[in-house]
Each structure stands twice: as structure tokens, then as C-alpha cells.
Amino acid sequence: MAHLKITPAAADQIRRVLDERGQGLGLRVSVKPSGCSGYSYVLDFADDVQADDALFEEHDARVYVAPEALEMLDGSEVDYVNEGLNRFFRFNNPNVKDECGCGESFTV
């Protein structure tokens, strides 16, 4: 069974954006072929549950993972970080073998 960790900071941000939006069940994560290294993360709101979604819940926040991304994300940690003026979700993914220089895409 796959595992995905949600940090308290990521959970706070997920809850915050859903509250501001006024609807949604959680964060939906998938991957798509992209960039110079192979894949990139795709984030969206989960407004409904797809039959094949994997659900991870921690700190009162939910992350739904598309089945095609599950193996690539297994063992990852979803975090939310503030770096200077930038705020973003960061995936600490042990399956990543290489990343592009800008950090937008990765290889597994």
C-alpha cells in the first residue's frame, strides 16, 4: 500500500485555500509528462472523489492522488514552504532520481 505524508504546514494551507474557496474536499495531485526531466506535479482542487483515487488524510486535510501518479509519489512528503516572497507546495519525493535546474520537472 502506498504512503504519502502531509506536513502540518501543507495541511494548514490546504484547509485555508478550501475555506477561502468555499468548497472542495481536498487537494488533488497527479503527474504529467513535462519539462526537461520527464514529469511535473499537477495540483488541483478535489471537488469530488474519483473511483480510483487514493486518499491520504493527515492533520485534518485530505490529498487525493490519481492512480497513474501513485507509484511515483509513494513515500513522498507534501509540504508547504515560504522562501522569501515565494510560497508553494513542495514534494519531498524519495523516488526522484534527477531534477531539472529550475526544479519544475523530475525523473523517477
PDB file of N, CA and C in Angstrom:
ATOM      1  N   MET A   1       0.841  -1.196   0.000  1.00  0.00           N
ATOM      2  CA  MET A   1       0.000   0.000   0.000  1.00  0.00           C
ATOM      3  C   MET A   1       0.881   1.253   0.000  1.00  0.00           C
ATOM      4  N   ALA A   2       0.541   2.208  -0.804  1.00  0.00           N
ATOM      5  CA  ALA A   2       1.313   3.440  -0.942  1.00  0.00           C
ATOM      6  C   ALA A   2       1.143   4.326   0.297  1.00  0.00           C
ATOM      7  N   HIS A   3       2.119   5.196   0.494  1.00  0.00           N
ATOM      8  CA  HIS A   3       2.099   6.099   1.627  1.00  0.00           C
ATOM      9  C   HIS A   3       2.446   7.514   1.154  1.00  0.00           C
ATOM     10  N   LEU A   4       1.767   8.507   1.710  1.00  0.00           N
ATOM     11  CA  LEU A   4       2.036   9.912   1.434  1.00  0.00           C
ATOM     12  C   LEU A   4       1.865  10.669   2.741  1.00  0.00           C
ATOM     13  N   LYS A   5       2.869  11.437   3.135  1.00  0.00           N
ATOM     14  CA  LYS A   5       2.822  12.216   4.375  1.00  0.00           C
ATOM     15  C   LYS A   5       2.439  13.656   4.051  1.00  0.00           C
ATOM     16  N   ILE A   6       1.584  14.226   4.881  1.00  0.00           N
ATOM     17  CA  ILE A   6       1.167  15.620   4.753  1.00  0.00           C
ATOM     18  C   ILE A   6       1.687  16.360   5.981  1.00  0.00           C
ATOM     19  N   THR A   7       2.528  17.361   5.781  1.00  0.00           N
ATOM     20  CA  THR A   7       3.066  18.111   6.915  1.00  0.00           C
ATOM     21  C   THR A   7       1.983  19.017   7.496  1.00  0.00           C
ATOM     22  N   PRO A   8       2.148  19.446   8.742  1.00  0.00           N
ATOM     23  CA  PRO A   8       1.187  20.396   9.313  1.00  0.00           C
ATOM     24  C   PRO A   8       1.071  21.681   8.485  1.00  0.00           C
ATOM     25  N   ALA A   9       2.186  22.176   7.933  1.00  0.00           N
ATOM     26  CA  ALA A   9       2.141  23.399   7.115  1.00  0.00           C
ATOM     27  C   ALA A   9       1.316  23.178   5.849  1.00  0.00           C
ATOM     28  N   ALA A  10       1.492  22.030   5.203  1.00  0.00           N
ATOM     29  CA  ALA A  10       0.705  21.723   3.994  1.00  0.00           C
ATOM     30  C   ALA A  10      -0.763  21.576   4.351  1.00  0.00           C
ATOM     31  N   ALA A  11      -1.052  20.905   5.449  1.00  0.00           N
ATOM     32  CA  ALA A  11      -2.443  20.729   5.874  1.00  0.00           C
ATOM     33  C   ALA A  11      -3.102  22.073   6.157  1.00  0.00           C
ATOM     34  N   ASP A  12      -2.384  22.968   6.826  1.00  0.00           N
ATOM     35  CA  ASP A  12      -2.922  24.307   7.102  1.00  0.00           C
ATOM     36  C   ASP A  12      -3.257  25.031   5.803  1.00  0.00           C
ATOM     37  N   GLN A  13      -2.366  24.952   4.823  1.00  0.00           N
ATOM     38  CA  GLN A  13      -2.597  25.643   3.555  1.00  0.00           C
ATOM     39  C   GLN A  13      -3.757  25.023   2.784  1.00  0.00           C
ATOM     40  N   ILE A  14      -3.851  23.710   2.777  1.00  0.00           N
ATOM     41  CA  ILE A  14      -4.964  23.044   2.096  1.00  0.00           C
ATOM     42  C   ILE A  14      -6.291  23.499   2.704  1.00  0.00           C
ATOM     43  N   ARG A  15      -6.373  23.469   4.027  1.00  0.00           N
ATOM     44  CA  ARG A  15      -7.604  23.902   4.699  1.00  0.00           C
ATOM     45  C   ARG A  15      -7.895  25.375   4.413  1.00  0.00           C
ATOM     46  N   ARG A  16      -6.845  26.205   4.418  1.00  0.00           N
ATOM     47  CA  ARG A  16      -7.017  27.643   4.193  1.00  0.00           C
ATOM     48  C   ARG A  16      -7.584  27.926   2.794  1.00  0.00           C
ATOM     49  N   VAL A  17      -6.999  27.310   1.766  1.00  0.00           N
ATOM     50  CA  VAL A  17      -7.480  27.610   0.411  1.00  0.00           C
ATOM     51  C   VAL A  17      -8.881  27.048   0.179  1.00  0.00           C
ATOM     52  N   LEU A  18      -9.189  25.912   0.790  1.00  0.00           N
ATOM     53  CA  LEU A  18     -10.543  25.370   0.652  1.00  0.00           C
ATOM     54  C   LEU A  18     -11.557  26.259   1.355  1.00  0.00           C
ATOM     55  N   ASP A  19     -11.187  26.789   2.536  1.00  0.00           N
ATOM     56  CA  ASP A  19     -12.078  27.716   3.247  1.00  0.00           C
ATOM     57  C   ASP A  19     -12.310  28.982   2.429  1.00  0.00           C
ATOM     58  N   GLU A  20     -11.240  29.544   1.863  1.00  0.00           N
ATOM     59  CA  GLU A  20     -11.365  30.759   1.051  1.00  0.00           C
ATOM     60  C   GLU A  20     -12.207  30.497  -0.194  1.00  0.00           C
ATOM     61  N   ARG A  21     -12.030  29.336  -0.769  1.00  0.00           N
ATOM     62  CA  ARG A  21     -12.754  28.959  -1.987  1.00  0.00           C
ATOM     63  C   ARG A  21     -14.224  28.662  -1.686  1.00  0.00           C
ATOM     64  N   GLY A  22     -14.493  28.182  -0.477  1.00  0.00           N
ATOM     65  CA  GLY A  22     -15.863  27.899  -0.070  1.00  0.00           C
ATOM     66  C   GLY A  22     -16.377  26.531  -0.469  1.00  0.00           C
ATOM     67  N   GLN A  23     -15.535  25.702  -1.049  1.00  0.00           N
ATOM     68  CA  GLN A  23     -15.937  24.350  -1.429  1.00  0.00           C
ATOM     69  C   GLN A  23     -14.695  23.507  -1.684  1.00  0.00           C
ATOM     70  N   GLY A  24     -14.903  22.211  -1.781  1.00  0.00           N
ATOM     71  CA  GLY A  24     -13.818  21.294  -2.097  1.00  0.00           C
ATOM     72  C   GLY A  24     -13.565  20.316  -0.972  1.00  0.00           C
ATOM     73  N   LEU A  25     -13.077  19.159  -1.354  1.00  0.00           N
ATOM     74  CA  LEU A  25     -12.794  18.087  -0.395  1.00  0.00           C
ATOM     75  C   LEU A  25     -11.344  18.054   0.030  1.00  0.00           C
ATOM     76  N   GLY A  26     -10.457  18.526  -0.845  1.00  0.00           N
ATOM     77  CA  GLY A  26      -9.039  18.483  -0.555  1.00  0.00           C
ATOM     78  C   GLY A  26      -8.226  18.881  -1.775  1.00  0.00           C
ATOM     79  N   LEU A  27      -6.974  18.473  -1.752  1.00  0.00           N
ATOM     80  CA  LEU A  27      -6.042  18.738  -2.836  1.00  0.00           C
ATOM     81  C   LEU A  27      -5.933  17.492  -3.703  1.00  0.00           C
ATOM     82  N   ARG A  28      -5.995  17.665  -5.030  1.00  0.00           N
ATOM     83  CA  ARG A  28      -5.812  16.541  -5.954  1.00  0.00           C
ATOM     84  C   ARG A  28      -4.417  16.669  -6.570  1.00  0.00           C
ATOM     85  N   VAL A  29      -3.670  15.571  -6.547  1.00  0.00           N
ATOM     86  CA  VAL A  29      -2.311  15.561  -7.083  1.00  0.00           C
ATOM     87  C   VAL A  29      -2.199  14.494  -8.154  1.00  0.00           C
ATOM     88  N   SER A  30      -1.601  14.880  -9.260  1.00  0.00           N
ATOM     89  CA  SER A  30      -1.274  13.926 -10.314  1.00  0.00           C
ATOM     90  C   SER A  30       0.062  14.358 -10.911  1.00  0.00           C
ATOM     91  N   VAL A  31       0.528  13.632 -11.899  1.00  0.00           N
ATOM     92  CA  VAL A  31       1.754  13.993 -12.601  1.00  0.00           C
ATOM     93  C   VAL A  31       1.467  13.967 -14.096  1.00  0.00           C
ATOM     94  N   LYS A  32       2.265  14.714 -14.844  1.00  0.00           N
ATOM     95  CA  LYS A  32       2.122  14.695 -16.299  1.00  0.00           C
ATOM     96  C   LYS A  32       3.509  14.769 -16.916  1.00  0.00           C
ATOM     97  N   PRO A  33       3.652  14.181 -18.098  1.00  0.00           N
ATOM     98  CA  PRO A  33       4.932  14.326 -18.797  1.00  0.00           C
ATOM     99  C   PRO A  33       5.153  15.802 -19.098  1.00  0.00           C
ATOM    100  N   SER A  34       6.342  16.299 -18.735  1.00  0.00           N
ATOM    101  CA  SER A  34       6.579  17.728 -18.904  1.00  0.00           C
ATOM    102  C   SER A  34       8.042  18.055 -18.654  1.00  0.00           C
ATOM    103  N   GLY A  35       8.444  19.208 -19.133  1.00  0.00           N
ATOM    104  CA  GLY A  35       9.744  19.769 -18.817  1.00  0.00           C
ATOM    105  C   GLY A  35      10.905  18.986 -19.398  1.00  0.00           C
ATOM    106  N   CYS A  36      12.073  19.357 -18.954  1.00  0.00           N
ATOM    107  CA  CYS A  36      13.287  18.760 -19.499  1.00  0.00           C
ATOM    108  C   CYS A  36      13.684  17.477 -18.786  1.00  0.00           C
ATOM    109  N   SER A  37      13.079  17.168 -17.652  1.00  0.00           N
ATOM    110  CA  SER A  37      13.468  15.971 -16.900  1.00  0.00           C
ATOM    111  C   SER A  37      12.458  14.835 -16.977  1.00  0.00           C
ATOM    112  N   GLY A  38      11.254  15.080 -17.434  1.00  0.00           N
ATOM    113  CA  GLY A  38      10.319  13.981 -17.607  1.00  0.00           C
ATOM    114  C   GLY A  38       8.915  14.212 -17.106  1.00  0.00           C
ATOM    115  N   TYR A  39       8.745  14.576 -15.820  1.00  0.00           N
ATOM    116  CA  TYR A  39       7.411  14.722 -15.240  1.00  0.00           C
ATOM    117  C   TYR A  39       7.340  15.988 -14.402  1.00  0.00           C
ATOM    118  N   SER A  40       6.120  16.483 -14.243  1.00  0.00           N
ATOM    119  CA  SER A  40       5.883  17.575 -13.308  1.00  0.00           C
ATOM    120  C   SER A  40       4.625  17.259 -12.507  1.00  0.00           C
ATOM    121  N   TYR A  41       4.533  17.854 -11.333  1.00  0.00           N
ATOM    122  CA  TYR A  41       3.365  17.676 -10.479  1.00  0.00           C
ATOM    123  C   TYR A  41       2.232  18.557 -10.977  1.00  0.00           C
ATOM    124  N   VAL A  42       1.023  18.039 -10.871  1.00  0.00           N
ATOM    125  CA  VAL A  42      -0.170  18.799 -11.236  1.00  0.00           C
ATOM    126  C   VAL A  42      -1.051  18.859  -9.992  1.00  0.00           C
ATOM    127  N   LEU A  43      -1.368  20.079  -9.556  1.00  0.00           N
ATOM    128  CA  LEU A  43      -2.195  20.290  -8.367  1.00  0.00           C
ATOM    129  C   LEU A  43      -3.508  20.912  -8.778  1.00  0.00           C
ATOM    130  N   ASP A  44      -4.577  20.436  -8.157  1.00  0.00           N
ATOM    131  CA  ASP A  44      -5.902  20.955  -8.437  1.00  0.00           C
ATOM    132  C   ASP A  44      -6.748  20.764  -7.181  1.00  0.00           C
ATOM    133  N   PHE A  45      -7.932  21.324  -7.196  1.00  0.00           N
ATOM    134  CA  PHE A  45      -8.875  21.086  -6.113  1.00  0.00           C
ATOM    135  C   PHE A  45      -9.603  19.772  -6.365  1.00  0.00           C
ATOM    136  N   ALA A  46      -9.853  19.038  -5.323  1.00  0.00           N
ATOM    137  CA  ALA A  46     -10.682  17.830  -5.421  1.00  0.00           C
ATOM    138  C   ALA A  46     -12.087  18.228  -4.990  1.00  0.00           C
ATOM    139  N   ASP A  47     -12.968  18.371  -5.959  1.00  0.00           N
ATOM    140  CA  ASP A  47     -14.354  18.722  -5.664  1.00  0.00           C
ATOM    141  C   ASP A  47     -15.243  17.496  -5.564  1.00  0.00           C
ATOM    142  N   ASP A  48     -14.751  16.375  -6.058  1.00  0.00           N
ATOM    143  CA  ASP A  48     -15.464  15.110  -5.934  1.00  0.00           C
ATOM    144  C   ASP A  48     -14.418  13.996  -5.871  1.00  0.00           C
ATOM    145  N   VAL A  49     -14.860  12.826  -5.521  1.00  0.00           N
ATOM    146  CA  VAL A  49     -13.973  11.679  -5.408  1.00  0.00           C
ATOM    147  C   VAL A  49     -14.099  10.830  -6.661  1.00  0.00           C
ATOM    148  N   GLN A  50     -12.977  10.579  -7.298  1.00  0.00           N
ATOM    149  CA  GLN A  50     -12.946   9.668  -8.439  1.00  0.00           C
ATOM    150  C   GLN A  50     -12.836   8.246  -7.896  1.00  0.00           C
ATOM    151  N   ALA A  51     -13.443   7.290  -8.567  1.00  0.00           N
ATOM    152  CA  ALA A  51     -13.491   5.914  -8.082  1.00  0.00           C
ATOM    153  C   ALA A  51     -12.105   5.318  -7.838  1.00  0.00           C
ATOM    154  N   ASP A  52     -11.111   5.739  -8.613  1.00  0.00           N
ATOM    155  CA  ASP A  52      -9.780   5.145  -8.489  1.00  0.00           C
ATOM    156  C   ASP A  52      -8.784   6.025  -7.737  1.00  0.00           C
ATOM    157  N   ASP A  53      -9.240   7.118  -7.127  1.00  0.00           N
ATOM    158  CA  ASP A  53      -8.363   7.972  -6.331  1.00  0.00           C
ATOM    159  C   ASP A  53      -7.839   7.235  -5.106  1.00  0.00           C
ATOM    160  N   ALA A  54      -6.602   7.526  -4.744  1.00  0.00           N
ATOM    161  CA  ALA A  54      -6.065   7.106  -3.446  1.00  0.00           C
ATOM    162  C   ALA A  54      -6.206   8.311  -2.517  1.00  0.00           C
ATOM    163  N   LEU A  55      -6.704   8.084  -1.326  1.00  0.00           N
ATOM    164  CA  LEU A  55      -6.921   9.159  -0.365  1.00  0.00           C
ATOM    165  C   LEU A  55      -5.907   9.067   0.763  1.00  0.00           C
ATOM    166  N   PHE A  56      -5.281  10.209   1.065  1.00  0.00           N
ATOM    167  CA  PHE A  56      -4.375  10.319   2.201  1.00  0.00           C
ATOM    168  C   PHE A  56      -4.886  11.463   3.063  1.00  0.00           C
ATOM    169  N   GLU A  57      -5.006  11.207   4.347  1.00  0.00           N
ATOM    170  CA  GLU A  57      -5.556  12.218   5.252  1.00  0.00           C
ATOM    171  C   GLU A  57      -4.670  12.324   6.478  1.00  0.00           C
ATOM    172  N   GLU A  58      -4.297  13.553   6.798  1.00  0.00           N
ATOM    173  CA  GLU A  58      -3.447  13.806   7.957  1.00  0.00           C
ATOM    174  C   GLU A  58      -3.652  15.252   8.388  1.00  0.00           C
ATOM    175  N   HIS A  59      -3.624  15.523   9.687  1.00  0.00           N
ATOM    176  CA  HIS A  59      -3.782  16.872  10.230  1.00  0.00           C
ATOM    177  C   HIS A  59      -5.062  17.529   9.727  1.00  0.00           C
ATOM    178  N   ASP A  60      -6.108  16.735   9.569  1.00  0.00           N
ATOM    179  CA  ASP A  60      -7.420  17.233   9.166  1.00  0.00           C
ATOM    180  C   ASP A  60      -7.432  17.822   7.755  1.00  0.00           C
ATOM    181  N   ALA A  61      -6.567  17.288   6.883  1.00  0.00           N
ATOM    182  CA  ALA A  61      -6.540  17.698   5.472  1.00  0.00           C
ATOM    183  C   ALA A  61      -6.446  16.443   4.610  1.00  0.00           C
ATOM    184  N   ARG A  62      -7.018  16.534   3.406  1.00  0.00           N
ATOM    185  CA  ARG A  62      -7.039  15.382   2.503  1.00  0.00           C
ATOM    186  C   ARG A  62      -6.273  15.687   1.217  1.00  0.00           C
ATOM    187  N   VAL A  63      -5.539  14.660   0.758  1.00  0.00           N
ATOM    188  CA  VAL A  63      -4.863  14.717  -0.540  1.00  0.00           C
ATOM    189  C   VAL A  63      -5.313  13.489  -1.319  1.00  0.00           C
ATOM    190  N   TYR A  64      -5.852  13.743  -2.511  1.00  0.00           N
ATOM    191  CA  TYR A  64      -6.299  12.681  -3.402  1.00  0.00           C
ATOM    192  C   TYR A  64      -5.250  12.527  -4.501  1.00  0.00           C
ATOM    193  N   VAL A  65      -4.808  11.297  -4.722  1.00  0.00           N
ATOM    194  CA  VAL A  65      -3.764  11.046  -5.712  1.00  0.00           C
ATOM    195  C   VAL A  65      -4.329  10.196  -6.841  1.00  0.00           C
ATOM    196  N   ALA A  66      -4.097  10.659  -8.064  1.00  0.00           N
ATOM    197  CA  ALA A  66      -4.522   9.923  -9.251  1.00  0.00           C
ATOM    198  C   ALA A  66      -3.748   8.606  -9.334  1.00  0.00           C
ATOM    199  N   PRO A  67      -4.388   7.543  -9.805  1.00  0.00           N
ATOM    200  CA  PRO A  67      -3.751   6.228  -9.810  1.00  0.00           C
ATOM    201  C   PRO A  67      -2.452   6.179 -10.610  1.00  0.00           C
ATOM    202  N   GLU A  68      -2.367   6.933 -11.708  1.00  0.00           N
ATOM    203  CA  GLU A  68      -1.151   6.903 -12.516  1.00  0.00           C
ATOM    204  C   GLU A  68       0.032   7.582 -11.822  1.00  0.00           C
ATOM    205  N   ALA A  69      -0.232   8.368 -10.773  1.00  0.00           N
ATOM    206  CA  ALA A  69       0.830   9.051 -10.038  1.00  0.00           C
ATOM    207  C   ALA A  69       1.221   8.330  -8.758  1.00  0.00           C
ATOM    208  N   LEU A  70       0.441   7.361  -8.355  1.00  0.00           N
ATOM    209  CA  LEU A  70       0.625   6.730  -7.054  1.00  0.00           C
ATOM    210  C   LEU A  70       2.011   6.116  -6.875  1.00  0.00           C
ATOM    211  N   GLU A  71       2.468   5.364  -7.840  1.00  0.00           N
ATOM    212  CA  GLU A  71       3.779   4.722  -7.709  1.00  0.00           C
ATOM    213  C   GLU A  71       4.901   5.763  -7.648  1.00  0.00           C
ATOM    214  N   MET A  72       4.779   6.830  -8.434  1.00  0.00           N
ATOM    215  CA  MET A  72       5.809   7.878  -8.442  1.00  0.00           C
ATOM    216  C   MET A  72       5.829   8.682  -7.153  1.00  0.00           C
ATOM    217  N   LEU A  73       4.680   8.786  -6.478  1.00  0.00           N
ATOM    218  CA  LEU A  73       4.582   9.601  -5.262  1.00  0.00           C
ATOM    219  C   LEU A  73       4.708   8.789  -3.974  1.00  0.00           C
ATOM    220  N   ASP A  74       4.762   7.479  -4.081  1.00  0.00           N
ATOM    221  CA  ASP A  74       4.813   6.626  -2.897  1.00  0.00           C
ATOM    222  C   ASP A  74       5.998   7.012  -1.998  1.00  0.00           C
ATOM    223  N   GLY A  75       5.710   7.248  -0.730  1.00  0.00           N
ATOM    224  CA  GLY A  75       6.732   7.603   0.243  1.00  0.00           C
ATOM    225  C   GLY A  75       7.047   9.087   0.295  1.00  0.00           C
ATOM    226  N   SER A  76       6.345   9.902  -0.490  1.00  0.00           N
ATOM    227  CA  SER A  76       6.611  11.337  -0.548  1.00  0.00           C
ATOM    228  C   SER A  76       6.023  12.067   0.647  1.00  0.00           C
ATOM    229  N   GLU A  77       6.534  13.262   0.857  1.00  0.00           N
ATOM    230  CA  GLU A  77       6.013  14.186   1.858  1.00  0.00           C
ATOM    231  C   GLU A  77       5.556  15.434   1.123  1.00  0.00           C
ATOM    232  N   VAL A  78       4.313  15.849   1.379  1.00  0.00           N
ATOM    233  CA  VAL A  78       3.798  17.099   0.836  1.00  0.00           C
ATOM    234  C   VAL A  78       3.992  18.162   1.901  1.00  0.00           C
ATOM    235  N   ASP A  79       4.716  19.216   1.546  1.00  0.00           N
ATOM    236  CA  ASP A  79       4.999  20.295   2.483  1.00  0.00           C
ATOM    237  C   ASP A  79       4.571  21.613   1.838  1.00  0.00           C
ATOM    238  N   TYR A  80       4.421  22.637   2.646  1.00  0.00           N
ATOM    239  CA  TYR A  80       4.150  23.977   2.148  1.00  0.00           C
ATOM    240  C   TYR A  80       5.211  24.880   2.729  1.00  0.00           C
ATOM    241  N   VAL A  81       5.953  25.569   1.862  1.00  0.00           N
ATOM    242  CA  VAL A  81       7.106  26.341   2.321  1.00  0.00           C
ATOM    243  C   VAL A  81       7.000  27.795   1.898  1.00  0.00           C
ATOM    244  N   ASN A  82       7.640  28.638   2.692  1.00  0.00           N
ATOM    245  CA  ASN A  82       7.807  30.056   2.388  1.00  0.00           C
ATOM    246  C   ASN A  82       9.298  30.288   2.193  1.00  0.00           C
ATOM    247  N   GLU A  83       9.672  30.699   0.993  1.00  0.00           N
ATOM    248  CA  GLU A  83      11.067  31.035   0.705  1.00  0.00           C
ATOM    249  C   GLU A  83      11.097  32.445   0.138  1.00  0.00           C
ATOM    250  N   GLY A  84      11.441  33.391   0.977  1.00  0.00           N
ATOM    251  CA  GLY A  84      11.416  34.788   0.546  1.00  0.00           C
ATOM    252  C   GLY A  84       9.999  35.202   0.205  1.00  0.00           C
ATOM    253  N   LEU A  85       9.793  35.652  -1.029  1.00  0.00           N
ATOM    254  CA  LEU A  85       8.461  36.055  -1.476  1.00  0.00           C
ATOM    255  C   LEU A  85       7.673  34.894  -2.067  1.00  0.00           C
ATOM    256  N   ASN A  86       8.304  33.747  -2.198  1.00  0.00           N
ATOM    257  CA  ASN A  86       7.666  32.581  -2.812  1.00  0.00           C
ATOM    258  C   ASN A  86       7.040  31.672  -1.764  1.00  0.00           C
ATOM    259  N   ARG A  87       5.825  31.238  -2.044  1.00  0.00           N
ATOM    260  CA  ARG A  87       5.115  30.280  -1.199  1.00  0.00           C
ATOM    261  C   ARG A  87       4.588  29.195  -2.124  1.00  0.00           C
ATOM    262  N   PHE A  88       4.849  27.930  -1.775  1.00  0.00           N
ATOM    263  CA  PHE A  88       4.461  26.854  -2.678  1.00  0.00           C
ATOM    264  C   PHE A  88       4.451  25.512  -1.965  1.00  0.00           C
ATOM    265  N   PHE A  89       3.710  24.566  -2.573  1.00  0.00           N
ATOM    266  CA  PHE A  89       3.751  23.189  -2.111  1.00  0.00           C
ATOM    267  C   PHE A  89       5.039  22.565  -2.624  1.00  0.00           C
ATOM    268  N   ARG A  90       5.735  21.855  -1.751  1.00  0.00           N
ATOM    269  CA  ARG A  90       6.966  21.163  -2.122  1.00  0.00           C
ATOM    270  C   ARG A  90       6.750  19.679  -1.881  1.00  0.00           C
ATOM    271  N   PHE A  91       7.200  18.886  -2.843  1.00  0.00           N
ATOM    272  CA  PHE A  91       7.143  17.435  -2.716  1.00  0.00           C
ATOM    273  C   PHE A  91       8.539  16.917  -2.419  1.00  0.00           C
ATOM    274  N   ASN A  92       8.708  16.349  -1.240  1.00  0.00           N
ATOM    275  CA  ASN A  92       9.957  15.687  -0.880  1.00  0.00           C
ATOM    276  C   ASN A  92       9.756  14.224  -1.250  1.00  0.00           C
ATOM    277  N   ASN A  93      10.209  13.894  -2.462  1.00  0.00           N
ATOM    278  CA  ASN A  93       9.891  12.614  -3.079  1.00  0.00           C
ATOM    279  C   ASN A  93      11.136  11.733  -3.159  1.00  0.00           C
ATOM    280  N   PRO A  94      11.162  10.631  -2.411  1.00  0.00           N
ATOM    281  CA  PRO A  94      12.342   9.756  -2.416  1.00  0.00           C
ATOM    282  C   PRO A  94      12.534   8.993  -3.722  1.00  0.00           C
ATOM    283  N   ASN A  95      11.540   9.007  -4.594  1.00  0.00           N
ATOM    284  CA  ASN A  95      11.620   8.289  -5.864  1.00  0.00           C
ATOM    285  C   ASN A  95      12.300   9.090  -6.969  1.00  0.00           C
ATOM    286  N   VAL A  96      12.524  10.385  -6.743  1.00  0.00           N
ATOM    287  CA  VAL A  96      13.121  11.245  -7.760  1.00  0.00           C
ATOM    288  C   VAL A  96      14.601  10.907  -7.921  1.00  0.00           C
ATOM    289  N   LYS A  97      14.976  10.629  -9.151  1.00  0.00           N
ATOM    290  CA  LYS A  97      16.374  10.313  -9.473  1.00  0.00           C
ATOM    291  C   LYS A  97      17.129  11.542  -9.944  1.00  0.00           C
ATOM    292  N   ASP A  98      16.422  12.495 -10.572  1.00  0.00           N
ATOM    293  CA  ASP A  98      17.050  13.695 -11.089  1.00  0.00           C
ATOM    294  C   ASP A  98      15.989  14.767 -11.257  1.00  0.00           C
ATOM    295  N   GLU A  99      16.396  16.026 -11.138  1.00  0.00           N
ATOM    296  CA  GLU A  99      15.500  17.157 -11.351  1.00  0.00           C
ATOM    297  C   GLU A  99      16.149  18.123 -12.330  1.00  0.00           C
ATOM    298  N   CYS A 100      15.329  18.885 -13.018  1.00  0.00           N
ATOM    299  CA  CYS A 100      15.879  19.900 -13.901  1.00  0.00           C
ATOM    300  C   CYS A 100      16.426  21.055 -13.048  1.00  0.00           C
ATOM    301  N   GLY A 101      17.192  21.900 -13.640  1.00  0.00           N
ATOM    302  CA  GLY A 101      17.817  23.001 -12.920  1.00  0.00           C
ATOM    303  C   GLY A 101      16.842  23.968 -12.279  1.00  0.00           C
ATOM    304  N   CYS A 102      15.709  24.173 -12.900  1.00  0.00           N
ATOM    305  CA  CYS A 102      14.724  25.118 -12.345  1.00  0.00           C
ATOM    306  C   CYS A 102      13.795  24.460 -11.333  1.00  0.00           C
ATOM    307  N   GLY A 103      13.858  23.136 -11.214  1.00  0.00           N
ATOM    308  CA  GLY A 103      13.033  22.446 -10.238  1.00  0.00           C
ATOM    309  C   GLY A 103      11.598  22.200 -10.671  1.00  0.00           C
ATOM    310  N   GLU A 104      11.278  22.447 -11.925  1.00  0.00           N
ATOM    311  CA  GLU A 104       9.912  22.276 -12.415  1.00  0.00           C
ATOM    312  C   GLU A 104       9.576  20.851 -12.821  1.00  0.00           C
ATOM    313  N   SER A 105      10.574  20.045 -13.134  1.00  0.00           N
ATOM    314  CA  SER A 105      10.295  18.680 -13.569  1.00  0.00           C
ATOM    315  C   SER A 105      11.292  17.717 -12.940  1.00  0.00           C
ATOM    316  N   PHE A 106      10.947  16.423 -12.987  1.00  0.00           N
ATOM    317  CA  PHE A 106      11.763  15.415 -12.329  1.00  0.00           C
ATOM    318  C   PHE A 106      11.721  14.105 -13.110  1.00  0.00           C
ATOM    319  N   THR A 107      12.680  13.233 -12.780  1.00  0.00           N
ATOM    320  CA  THR A 107      12.758  11.894 -13.367  1.00  0.00           C
ATOM    321  C   THR A 107      12.676  10.889 -12.239  1.00  0.00           C
ATOM    322  N   VAL A 108      11.934   9.812 -12.463  1.00  0.00           N
ATOM    323  CA  VAL A 108      11.874   8.728 -11.471  1.00  0.00           C
ATOM    324  C   VAL A 108      12.531   7.486 -12.031  1.00  0.00           C
TER     325      VAL A 108
END
